[in-house]
């Protein structure tokens, strides 16, 4: 089983918060991975040596500062009720089709699959739980690393065996 039901997802509240409602038809496109599948993807795409985003070390592509040439502030637009778009630096960097499959990764056993269009439109929901998170695509190299200090690192991931 690759996914769990959204209703069984422990942090489902971030997707039905009354201040940022998500339509029911869109909720079907937010698919939390089972722990087993999340762990497998994490090991293949992110790190074979750590479980949490604050534990990356030498050998992890995320830890390599050369992979993150840009950064932007995500916290200020997140806090502003009048702003709905991701920071312009992010939108300028990611030229992804709205149907592109993306993975939002909180930690090794807590990952969500959705589409770029759903994430782009509802990014504030995903960042209610902002203990550091990554947005990646299995087929694209661009990546985002949302930091707890309110910044987002913008860059490209490298294969694990080429770090």
N, C-alpha and C. Protein backbone atom coordinates (compact mmCIF):
# COMPACT_ATOMS: atom_id res chain seq x y z
N UNK A 1 0.85 -1.18 0.00
CA UNK A 1 0.00 0.00 0.00
C UNK A 1 0.90 1.25 0.00
N UNK A 2 0.75 2.08 -1.00
CA UNK A 2 1.58 3.28 -1.13
C UNK A 2 1.06 4.47 -0.34
N UNK A 3 -0.26 4.56 -0.16
CA UNK A 3 -0.86 5.74 0.46
C UNK A 3 -1.71 5.33 1.66
N UNK A 4 -1.95 6.32 2.52
CA UNK A 4 -2.96 6.16 3.56
C UNK A 4 -4.09 7.15 3.24
N UNK A 5 -5.26 6.90 3.75
CA UNK A 5 -6.37 7.82 3.55
C UNK A 5 -6.05 9.14 4.24
N UNK A 6 -6.45 10.24 3.61
CA UNK A 6 -6.21 11.55 4.21
C UNK A 6 -6.86 11.63 5.59
N UNK A 7 -8.02 11.00 5.76
CA UNK A 7 -8.69 11.02 7.06
C UNK A 7 -7.86 10.34 8.14
N UNK A 8 -6.97 9.43 7.77
CA UNK A 8 -6.13 8.73 8.74
C UNK A 8 -4.79 9.44 8.95
N UNK A 9 -4.54 10.48 8.21
CA UNK A 9 -3.28 11.21 8.32
C UNK A 9 -3.27 12.02 9.62
N UNK A 10 -2.27 11.82 10.47
CA UNK A 10 -2.26 12.49 11.78
C UNK A 10 -2.30 14.02 11.72
N UNK A 11 -1.81 14.61 10.64
CA UNK A 11 -1.80 16.07 10.54
C UNK A 11 -2.83 16.57 9.53
N UNK A 12 -3.91 15.84 9.41
CA UNK A 12 -4.96 16.22 8.45
C UNK A 12 -5.50 17.63 8.71
N UNK A 13 -5.43 18.08 9.95
CA UNK A 13 -5.97 19.39 10.31
C UNK A 13 -5.40 20.51 9.46
N UNK A 14 -4.16 20.36 8.97
CA UNK A 14 -3.57 21.43 8.16
C UNK A 14 -4.31 21.62 6.84
N UNK A 15 -5.05 20.60 6.43
CA UNK A 15 -5.78 20.69 5.17
C UNK A 15 -7.25 21.03 5.35
N UNK A 16 -7.74 21.08 6.58
CA UNK A 16 -9.11 21.54 6.79
C UNK A 16 -9.18 22.65 7.82
N UNK A 17 -8.12 23.43 7.89
CA UNK A 17 -8.13 24.58 8.79
C UNK A 17 -9.16 25.58 8.29
N UNK A 18 -9.99 26.08 9.21
CA UNK A 18 -11.09 26.96 8.80
C UNK A 18 -10.63 28.24 8.11
N UNK A 19 -9.42 28.70 8.39
CA UNK A 19 -8.95 29.94 7.75
C UNK A 19 -8.42 29.71 6.34
N UNK A 20 -8.13 28.45 5.99
CA UNK A 20 -7.60 28.13 4.66
C UNK A 20 -8.29 26.86 4.13
N UNK A 21 -9.59 26.96 3.85
CA UNK A 21 -10.30 25.75 3.41
C UNK A 21 -9.84 25.28 2.03
N UNK A 22 -9.83 23.98 1.87
CA UNK A 22 -9.49 23.35 0.60
C UNK A 22 -10.73 22.61 0.11
N UNK A 23 -11.14 22.82 -1.14
CA UNK A 23 -12.33 22.13 -1.66
C UNK A 23 -12.17 20.60 -1.60
N UNK A 24 -13.27 19.91 -1.38
CA UNK A 24 -13.26 18.45 -1.26
C UNK A 24 -12.63 17.77 -2.47
N UNK A 25 -12.90 18.27 -3.67
CA UNK A 25 -12.34 17.64 -4.87
C UNK A 25 -10.82 17.81 -4.94
N UNK A 26 -10.30 18.86 -4.34
CA UNK A 26 -8.86 19.06 -4.29
C UNK A 26 -8.22 18.17 -3.22
N UNK A 27 -8.92 17.94 -2.13
CA UNK A 27 -8.39 17.08 -1.07
C UNK A 27 -8.07 15.69 -1.59
N UNK A 28 -8.77 15.23 -2.61
CA UNK A 28 -8.50 13.90 -3.17
C UNK A 28 -7.14 13.85 -3.87
N UNK A 29 -6.57 15.00 -4.14
CA UNK A 29 -5.26 15.07 -4.80
C UNK A 29 -4.12 15.24 -3.82
N UNK A 30 -4.43 15.19 -2.53
CA UNK A 30 -3.42 15.27 -1.47
C UNK A 30 -3.34 13.88 -0.87
N UNK A 31 -2.24 13.17 -1.15
CA UNK A 31 -2.14 11.76 -0.80
C UNK A 31 -0.93 11.49 0.09
N UNK A 32 -1.17 11.34 1.39
CA UNK A 32 -0.06 10.98 2.28
C UNK A 32 0.42 9.57 1.97
N UNK A 33 1.72 9.41 1.96
CA UNK A 33 2.30 8.08 1.74
C UNK A 33 2.21 7.26 3.02
N UNK A 34 2.14 5.95 2.84
CA UNK A 34 2.29 5.06 3.99
C UNK A 34 3.71 5.24 4.52
N UNK A 35 3.93 4.87 5.77
CA UNK A 35 5.28 5.01 6.34
C UNK A 35 6.30 4.22 5.53
N UNK A 36 5.92 3.03 5.10
CA UNK A 36 6.85 2.19 4.34
C UNK A 36 7.23 2.85 3.02
N UNK A 37 6.25 3.37 2.29
CA UNK A 37 6.53 3.99 1.00
C UNK A 37 7.29 5.30 1.18
N UNK A 38 6.93 6.08 2.19
CA UNK A 38 7.65 7.33 2.46
C UNK A 38 9.11 7.03 2.77
N UNK A 39 9.35 6.03 3.59
CA UNK A 39 10.72 5.67 3.94
C UNK A 39 11.52 5.23 2.73
N UNK A 40 10.88 4.48 1.86
CA UNK A 40 11.54 4.01 0.64
C UNK A 40 11.92 5.20 -0.26
N UNK A 41 10.97 6.10 -0.50
CA UNK A 41 11.23 7.26 -1.35
C UNK A 41 12.29 8.18 -0.73
N UNK A 42 12.20 8.38 0.56
CA UNK A 42 13.19 9.21 1.25
C UNK A 42 14.59 8.66 1.02
N UNK A 43 14.73 7.35 1.19
CA UNK A 43 16.03 6.71 0.99
C UNK A 43 16.53 6.82 -0.44
N UNK A 44 15.62 6.80 -1.41
CA UNK A 44 16.00 6.87 -2.82
C UNK A 44 16.28 8.29 -3.28
N UNK A 45 15.51 9.26 -2.78
CA UNK A 45 15.56 10.61 -3.33
C UNK A 45 16.19 11.67 -2.42
N UNK A 46 16.25 11.39 -1.12
CA UNK A 46 16.67 12.44 -0.20
C UNK A 46 17.91 12.06 0.60
N UNK A 47 17.83 11.02 1.40
CA UNK A 47 18.97 10.66 2.24
C UNK A 47 18.90 9.20 2.64
N UNK A 48 20.05 8.56 2.60
CA UNK A 48 20.13 7.19 3.07
C UNK A 48 20.71 7.13 4.49
N UNK A 49 21.00 8.31 5.06
CA UNK A 49 21.67 8.30 6.36
C UNK A 49 20.94 9.06 7.47
N UNK A 50 19.89 9.79 7.18
CA UNK A 50 19.19 10.50 8.26
C UNK A 50 17.68 10.40 8.06
N UNK A 51 16.94 10.69 9.12
CA UNK A 51 15.47 10.57 9.09
C UNK A 51 14.75 11.91 9.13
N UNK A 52 15.43 12.97 9.55
CA UNK A 52 14.76 14.25 9.75
C UNK A 52 15.49 15.36 9.00
N UNK A 53 14.74 16.40 8.64
CA UNK A 53 15.32 17.48 7.84
C UNK A 53 16.34 18.31 8.58
N UNK A 54 16.37 18.21 9.89
CA UNK A 54 17.38 18.97 10.64
C UNK A 54 18.62 18.14 10.94
N UNK A 55 18.71 16.95 10.33
CA UNK A 55 19.85 16.07 10.58
C UNK A 55 20.74 15.84 9.36
N UNK A 56 20.51 16.55 8.28
CA UNK A 56 21.32 16.32 7.09
C UNK A 56 22.78 16.58 7.39
N UNK A 57 23.62 15.80 6.77
CA UNK A 57 25.05 15.93 7.00
C UNK A 57 25.80 15.72 5.69
N UNK A 58 27.10 15.86 5.77
CA UNK A 58 27.94 15.67 4.59
C UNK A 58 27.59 14.33 3.94
N UNK A 59 27.41 14.35 2.66
CA UNK A 59 27.00 13.16 1.93
C UNK A 59 25.54 13.24 1.49
N UNK A 60 24.76 14.10 2.14
CA UNK A 60 23.36 14.33 1.74
C UNK A 60 23.33 15.52 0.78
N UNK A 61 22.66 15.37 -0.36
CA UNK A 61 22.61 16.47 -1.31
C UNK A 61 22.00 17.72 -0.69
N UNK A 62 21.07 17.56 0.23
CA UNK A 62 20.41 18.71 0.86
C UNK A 62 21.42 19.52 1.69
N UNK A 63 22.39 18.86 2.25
CA UNK A 63 23.40 19.51 3.09
C UNK A 63 24.39 20.34 2.27
N UNK A 64 24.57 20.01 1.01
CA UNK A 64 25.53 20.69 0.15
C UNK A 64 25.03 22.10 -0.21
N UNK A 65 25.65 23.11 0.34
CA UNK A 65 25.23 24.50 0.12
C UNK A 65 25.32 24.92 -1.35
N UNK A 66 26.15 24.26 -2.14
CA UNK A 66 26.25 24.59 -3.57
C UNK A 66 24.96 24.25 -4.32
N UNK A 67 24.13 23.40 -3.75
CA UNK A 67 22.86 23.04 -4.38
C UNK A 67 21.78 24.10 -4.17
N UNK A 68 22.06 25.11 -3.33
CA UNK A 68 21.06 26.11 -2.96
C UNK A 68 21.54 27.52 -3.29
N UNK A 69 21.58 27.89 -4.57
CA UNK A 69 22.13 29.21 -4.93
C UNK A 69 21.23 30.39 -4.60
N UNK A 70 19.95 30.14 -4.35
CA UNK A 70 19.02 31.24 -4.09
C UNK A 70 18.23 30.96 -2.82
N UNK A 71 17.68 32.03 -2.27
CA UNK A 71 16.74 31.87 -1.17
C UNK A 71 15.75 33.02 -1.19
N UNK A 72 14.62 32.81 -0.55
CA UNK A 72 13.57 33.82 -0.48
C UNK A 72 12.90 33.71 0.88
N UNK A 73 12.08 34.69 1.19
CA UNK A 73 11.32 34.72 2.44
C UNK A 73 9.94 34.12 2.16
N UNK A 74 9.59 33.03 2.84
CA UNK A 74 8.24 32.49 2.70
C UNK A 74 7.35 32.91 3.87
N UNK A 75 7.93 33.21 5.01
CA UNK A 75 7.14 33.49 6.22
C UNK A 75 6.29 34.75 6.07
N UNK A 76 6.87 35.83 5.51
CA UNK A 76 6.12 37.08 5.39
C UNK A 76 4.89 36.91 4.51
N UNK A 77 5.00 36.32 3.31
CA UNK A 77 3.76 36.13 2.53
C UNK A 77 2.81 35.13 3.19
N UNK A 78 3.35 34.16 3.91
CA UNK A 78 2.48 33.19 4.59
C UNK A 78 1.63 33.89 5.65
N UNK A 79 2.23 34.85 6.36
CA UNK A 79 1.53 35.57 7.42
C UNK A 79 0.54 36.60 6.89
N UNK A 80 0.70 37.03 5.66
CA UNK A 80 -0.14 38.08 5.08
C UNK A 80 -1.37 37.47 4.43
N UNK A 81 -2.54 37.76 4.99
CA UNK A 81 -3.79 37.18 4.47
C UNK A 81 -4.11 37.64 3.06
N UNK A 82 -3.55 38.75 2.64
CA UNK A 82 -3.82 39.27 1.29
C UNK A 82 -2.94 38.64 0.22
N UNK A 83 -1.91 37.94 0.63
CA UNK A 83 -1.00 37.29 -0.33
C UNK A 83 -1.36 35.81 -0.41
N UNK A 84 -1.60 35.34 -1.63
CA UNK A 84 -1.92 33.93 -1.82
C UNK A 84 -0.84 33.18 -2.57
N UNK A 85 0.01 33.90 -3.29
CA UNK A 85 1.03 33.25 -4.11
C UNK A 85 2.29 32.94 -3.31
N UNK A 86 2.98 31.92 -3.74
CA UNK A 86 4.32 31.64 -3.24
C UNK A 86 5.21 32.83 -3.56
N UNK A 87 6.34 32.96 -2.90
CA UNK A 87 7.26 34.05 -3.24
C UNK A 87 7.61 34.03 -4.73
N UNK A 88 7.74 35.21 -5.31
CA UNK A 88 7.98 35.30 -6.74
C UNK A 88 9.28 34.61 -7.17
N UNK A 89 10.28 34.58 -6.29
CA UNK A 89 11.53 33.89 -6.61
C UNK A 89 11.28 32.39 -6.84
N UNK A 90 10.39 31.82 -6.05
CA UNK A 90 10.04 30.41 -6.20
C UNK A 90 9.31 30.17 -7.51
N UNK A 91 8.32 31.01 -7.78
CA UNK A 91 7.54 30.85 -9.01
C UNK A 91 8.39 31.07 -10.26
N UNK A 92 9.36 31.98 -10.19
CA UNK A 92 10.24 32.22 -11.33
C UNK A 92 11.18 31.04 -11.55
N UNK A 93 11.58 30.38 -10.49
CA UNK A 93 12.53 29.28 -10.59
C UNK A 93 11.87 27.98 -11.06
N UNK A 94 10.69 27.69 -10.55
CA UNK A 94 10.02 26.43 -10.86
C UNK A 94 9.09 26.60 -12.05
N UNK A 95 9.50 26.06 -13.16
CA UNK A 95 8.69 26.12 -14.39
C UNK A 95 8.00 24.77 -14.58
N UNK A 96 7.27 24.36 -13.55
CA UNK A 96 6.62 23.05 -13.58
C UNK A 96 5.19 23.18 -14.07
N UNK A 97 4.73 22.19 -14.80
CA UNK A 97 3.35 22.09 -15.21
C UNK A 97 2.49 21.83 -13.98
N UNK A 98 1.28 22.37 -13.95
CA UNK A 98 0.40 22.18 -12.79
C UNK A 98 0.13 20.71 -12.47
N UNK A 99 0.21 19.84 -13.47
CA UNK A 99 -0.04 18.41 -13.24
C UNK A 99 1.20 17.63 -12.83
N UNK A 100 2.33 18.30 -12.71
CA UNK A 100 3.56 17.62 -12.30
C UNK A 100 3.40 17.06 -10.89
N UNK A 101 3.79 15.80 -10.72
CA UNK A 101 3.72 15.15 -9.42
C UNK A 101 4.86 15.66 -8.55
N UNK A 102 4.52 16.08 -7.34
CA UNK A 102 5.52 16.55 -6.39
C UNK A 102 5.37 15.82 -5.07
N UNK A 103 6.47 15.82 -4.32
CA UNK A 103 6.48 15.21 -2.99
C UNK A 103 6.83 16.30 -1.98
N UNK A 104 5.96 16.46 -1.00
CA UNK A 104 6.24 17.39 0.08
C UNK A 104 6.69 16.54 1.26
N UNK A 105 7.90 16.76 1.71
CA UNK A 105 8.57 15.86 2.65
C UNK A 105 8.84 16.56 3.98
N UNK A 106 8.16 16.13 5.02
CA UNK A 106 8.39 16.67 6.36
C UNK A 106 9.53 15.94 7.06
N UNK A 107 9.58 14.63 6.87
CA UNK A 107 10.61 13.77 7.45
C UNK A 107 10.52 12.42 6.75
N UNK A 108 11.40 11.51 7.11
CA UNK A 108 11.49 10.23 6.41
C UNK A 108 10.16 9.49 6.32
N UNK A 109 9.38 9.49 7.36
CA UNK A 109 8.15 8.71 7.36
C UNK A 109 6.90 9.59 7.26
N UNK A 110 7.07 10.81 6.80
CA UNK A 110 5.95 11.74 6.67
C UNK A 110 6.12 12.54 5.39
N UNK A 111 5.59 11.96 4.31
CA UNK A 111 5.68 12.58 2.99
C UNK A 111 4.31 12.55 2.33
N UNK A 112 4.05 13.55 1.50
CA UNK A 112 2.77 13.68 0.82
C UNK A 112 3.02 13.83 -0.68
N UNK A 113 2.23 13.13 -1.46
CA UNK A 113 2.25 13.32 -2.91
C UNK A 113 1.07 14.19 -3.29
N UNK A 114 1.32 15.13 -4.18
CA UNK A 114 0.27 15.95 -4.74
C UNK A 114 0.74 16.45 -6.10
N UNK A 115 0.08 17.43 -6.65
CA UNK A 115 0.55 18.02 -7.91
C UNK A 115 1.08 19.41 -7.61
N UNK A 116 1.90 19.91 -8.52
CA UNK A 116 2.44 21.24 -8.37
C UNK A 116 1.31 22.26 -8.28
N UNK A 117 0.27 22.10 -9.10
CA UNK A 117 -0.86 23.03 -9.07
C UNK A 117 -1.55 23.07 -7.71
N UNK A 118 -1.76 21.91 -7.11
CA UNK A 118 -2.40 21.86 -5.79
C UNK A 118 -1.47 22.49 -4.75
N UNK A 119 -0.20 22.12 -4.78
CA UNK A 119 0.73 22.72 -3.82
C UNK A 119 0.80 24.23 -3.99
N UNK A 120 0.95 24.67 -5.22
CA UNK A 120 1.09 26.10 -5.50
C UNK A 120 -0.12 26.88 -4.98
N UNK A 121 -1.29 26.32 -5.15
CA UNK A 121 -2.51 27.01 -4.73
C UNK A 121 -2.73 26.94 -3.22
N UNK A 122 -2.27 25.87 -2.58
CA UNK A 122 -2.56 25.64 -1.16
C UNK A 122 -1.29 25.51 -0.32
N UNK A 123 -0.22 26.16 -0.74
CA UNK A 123 1.06 26.04 -0.06
C UNK A 123 0.99 26.45 1.40
N UNK A 124 0.13 27.39 1.72
CA UNK A 124 0.04 27.84 3.11
C UNK A 124 -0.44 26.70 4.02
N UNK A 125 -1.32 25.85 3.52
CA UNK A 125 -1.77 24.70 4.32
C UNK A 125 -0.59 23.77 4.62
N UNK A 126 0.19 23.46 3.60
CA UNK A 126 1.32 22.55 3.78
C UNK A 126 2.31 23.09 4.81
N UNK A 127 2.42 24.42 4.89
CA UNK A 127 3.41 25.03 5.78
C UNK A 127 2.86 25.39 7.16
N UNK A 128 1.63 24.97 7.47
CA UNK A 128 1.18 25.08 8.86
C UNK A 128 2.13 24.30 9.76
N UNK A 129 2.55 23.18 9.28
CA UNK A 129 3.47 22.30 10.00
C UNK A 129 4.84 22.54 9.37
N UNK A 130 5.58 23.49 9.90
CA UNK A 130 6.78 23.98 9.21
C UNK A 130 8.07 23.63 9.92
N UNK A 131 8.19 22.42 10.38
CA UNK A 131 9.42 22.01 11.05
C UNK A 131 10.54 21.71 10.06
N UNK A 132 10.60 22.47 9.01
CA UNK A 132 11.56 22.22 7.95
C UNK A 132 10.96 21.19 7.01
N UNK A 133 10.92 21.47 5.76
CA UNK A 133 10.31 20.55 4.81
C UNK A 133 10.94 20.76 3.43
N UNK A 134 10.85 19.72 2.63
CA UNK A 134 11.37 19.77 1.26
C UNK A 134 10.24 19.58 0.28
N UNK A 135 10.33 20.25 -0.85
CA UNK A 135 9.44 20.00 -1.98
C UNK A 135 10.32 19.54 -3.12
N UNK A 136 10.07 18.33 -3.59
CA UNK A 136 10.84 17.78 -4.71
C UNK A 136 9.90 17.15 -5.70
N UNK A 137 10.44 16.84 -6.85
CA UNK A 137 9.75 16.07 -7.87
C UNK A 137 10.63 14.88 -8.20
N UNK A 138 10.04 13.74 -8.39
CA UNK A 138 10.83 12.56 -8.73
C UNK A 138 11.47 12.71 -10.11
N UNK A 139 10.84 13.49 -10.97
CA UNK A 139 11.32 13.59 -12.36
C UNK A 139 12.07 14.86 -12.67
N UNK A 140 12.06 15.81 -11.76
CA UNK A 140 12.74 17.08 -11.99
C UNK A 140 13.80 17.28 -10.92
N UNK A 141 14.80 18.06 -11.20
CA UNK A 141 15.90 18.27 -10.25
C UNK A 141 15.71 19.49 -9.35
N UNK A 142 14.82 20.41 -9.73
CA UNK A 142 14.60 21.58 -8.89
C UNK A 142 14.02 21.14 -7.54
N UNK A 143 14.37 21.90 -6.50
CA UNK A 143 13.90 21.56 -5.16
C UNK A 143 13.77 22.83 -4.32
N UNK A 144 12.93 22.73 -3.31
CA UNK A 144 12.77 23.80 -2.33
C UNK A 144 12.98 23.21 -0.94
N UNK A 145 13.64 23.98 -0.10
CA UNK A 145 13.84 23.58 1.29
C UNK A 145 13.31 24.70 2.18
N UNK A 146 12.16 24.47 2.79
CA UNK A 146 11.52 25.46 3.65
C UNK A 146 12.14 25.40 5.04
N UNK A 147 12.75 26.49 5.44
CA UNK A 147 13.47 26.55 6.71
C UNK A 147 12.57 27.09 7.81
N UNK A 148 12.85 26.68 9.04
CA UNK A 148 12.06 27.15 10.19
C UNK A 148 12.24 28.64 10.45
N UNK A 149 13.29 29.23 9.93
CA UNK A 149 13.52 30.67 10.14
C UNK A 149 12.71 31.53 9.17
N UNK A 150 11.87 30.91 8.34
CA UNK A 150 11.01 31.66 7.43
C UNK A 150 11.59 31.86 6.04
N UNK A 151 12.73 31.27 5.77
CA UNK A 151 13.31 31.37 4.43
C UNK A 151 13.08 30.06 3.69
N UNK A 152 13.15 30.14 2.38
CA UNK A 152 13.08 28.95 1.55
C UNK A 152 14.33 28.93 0.68
N UNK A 153 15.05 27.82 0.73
CA UNK A 153 16.21 27.64 -0.12
C UNK A 153 15.73 27.12 -1.46
N UNK A 154 16.26 27.67 -2.53
CA UNK A 154 15.83 27.35 -3.88
C UNK A 154 17.02 26.76 -4.62
N UNK A 155 16.86 25.55 -5.13
CA UNK A 155 18.00 24.95 -5.80
C UNK A 155 17.68 23.68 -6.55
N UNK A 156 18.71 22.86 -6.69
CA UNK A 156 18.59 21.60 -7.44
C UNK A 156 19.17 20.47 -6.61
N UNK A 157 18.51 19.35 -6.71
CA UNK A 157 19.03 18.18 -6.00
C UNK A 157 19.96 17.40 -6.94
N UNK A 158 20.84 16.68 -6.34
CA UNK A 158 21.74 15.81 -7.09
C UNK A 158 21.45 14.37 -6.68
N UNK A 159 21.74 13.43 -7.54
CA UNK A 159 21.53 12.02 -7.15
C UNK A 159 22.35 11.69 -5.91
N UNK A 160 21.81 10.80 -5.08
CA UNK A 160 22.47 10.47 -3.82
C UNK A 160 23.89 9.96 -4.04
N UNK A 161 24.11 9.25 -5.11
CA UNK A 161 25.45 8.68 -5.32
C UNK A 161 26.41 9.69 -5.98
N UNK A 162 25.96 10.91 -6.20
CA UNK A 162 26.83 11.93 -6.81
C UNK A 162 26.98 13.15 -5.91
N UNK A 163 26.81 12.98 -4.62
CA UNK A 163 26.88 14.10 -3.69
C UNK A 163 28.32 14.50 -3.46
